[in-house]
């Protein structure tokens, strides 16, 4: 999966992927702390939902027996 033009622009200009806030120039992070936290929360909710439904936590498909 490659980056879109807007994502490439934001990486080159050290801006958050989500909200375009400036990021520290010395770090390699792609999201500001607020957006990183929100993404983590969404991922944890998705994994919990898939686990409860007995689905693969990576792809969301029914596991093969």
Protein backbone atom coordinates (compact mmCIF):
# COMPACT_ATOMS: atom_id res chain seq x y z
CA UNK A 1 0.00 0.00 0.00
CA UNK A 2 1.54 3.27 -1.06
CA UNK A 3 0.98 6.75 0.31
CA UNK A 4 -1.45 9.14 -1.39
CA UNK A 5 -0.26 12.50 -2.69
CA UNK A 6 -1.60 14.30 0.40
CA UNK A 7 0.13 11.83 2.72
CA UNK A 8 3.43 12.26 0.86
CA UNK A 9 3.05 16.04 1.11
CA UNK A 10 2.40 15.83 4.84
CA UNK A 11 5.40 13.51 5.40
CA UNK A 12 7.71 15.81 3.46
CA UNK A 13 6.45 18.85 5.38
CA UNK A 14 6.41 17.14 8.82
CA UNK A 15 2.64 17.41 9.28
CA UNK A 16 0.31 14.99 11.05
CA UNK A 17 -1.35 12.48 8.70
CA UNK A 18 -4.79 13.17 10.15
CA UNK A 19 -5.04 16.82 11.21
CA UNK A 20 -2.01 18.43 9.51
CA UNK A 21 -0.58 19.85 12.75
CA UNK A 22 3.17 20.48 12.57
CA UNK A 23 5.27 17.64 14.00
CA UNK A 24 8.72 17.81 15.62
CA UNK A 25 11.37 17.78 12.89
CA UNK A 26 13.70 15.43 14.79
CA UNK A 27 11.22 12.56 15.15
CA UNK A 28 9.92 9.99 12.68
CA UNK A 29 6.32 9.96 13.94
CA UNK A 30 3.53 10.42 11.40
CA UNK A 31 0.71 11.47 13.73
CA UNK A 32 0.40 14.03 16.50
CA UNK A 33 -0.20 12.60 20.01
CA UNK A 34 -3.96 13.25 19.83
CA UNK A 35 -4.41 11.53 16.48
CA UNK A 36 -2.11 8.67 17.50
CA UNK A 37 -4.20 8.09 20.62
CA UNK A 38 -7.45 8.14 18.62
CA UNK A 39 -6.04 5.64 16.11
CA UNK A 40 -4.92 3.34 18.93
CA UNK A 41 -8.39 3.46 20.49
CA UNK A 42 -10.04 2.63 17.14
CA UNK A 43 -7.65 -0.29 16.58
CA UNK A 44 -8.26 -1.68 20.07
CA UNK A 45 -12.03 -1.46 19.55
CA UNK A 46 -11.75 -3.24 16.18
CA UNK A 47 -9.63 -6.05 17.65
CA UNK A 48 -12.05 -6.46 20.58
CA UNK A 49 -15.03 -6.63 18.21
CA UNK A 50 -13.36 -9.17 15.92
CA UNK A 51 -12.27 -11.28 18.91
CA UNK A 52 -15.80 -11.29 20.32
CA UNK A 53 -17.16 -12.43 16.95
CA UNK A 54 -14.49 -15.14 16.58
CA UNK A 55 -12.95 -13.50 13.52
CA UNK A 56 -9.31 -13.08 12.54
CA UNK A 57 -8.08 -9.88 14.21
CA UNK A 58 -5.91 -9.02 11.19
CA UNK A 59 -8.26 -9.47 8.23
CA UNK A 60 -11.71 -9.88 9.81
CA UNK A 61 -12.43 -13.16 8.04
CA UNK A 62 -13.63 -16.41 9.58
CA UNK A 63 -10.53 -18.45 10.55
CA UNK A 64 -9.89 -21.60 8.56
CA UNK A 65 -10.08 -24.84 10.50
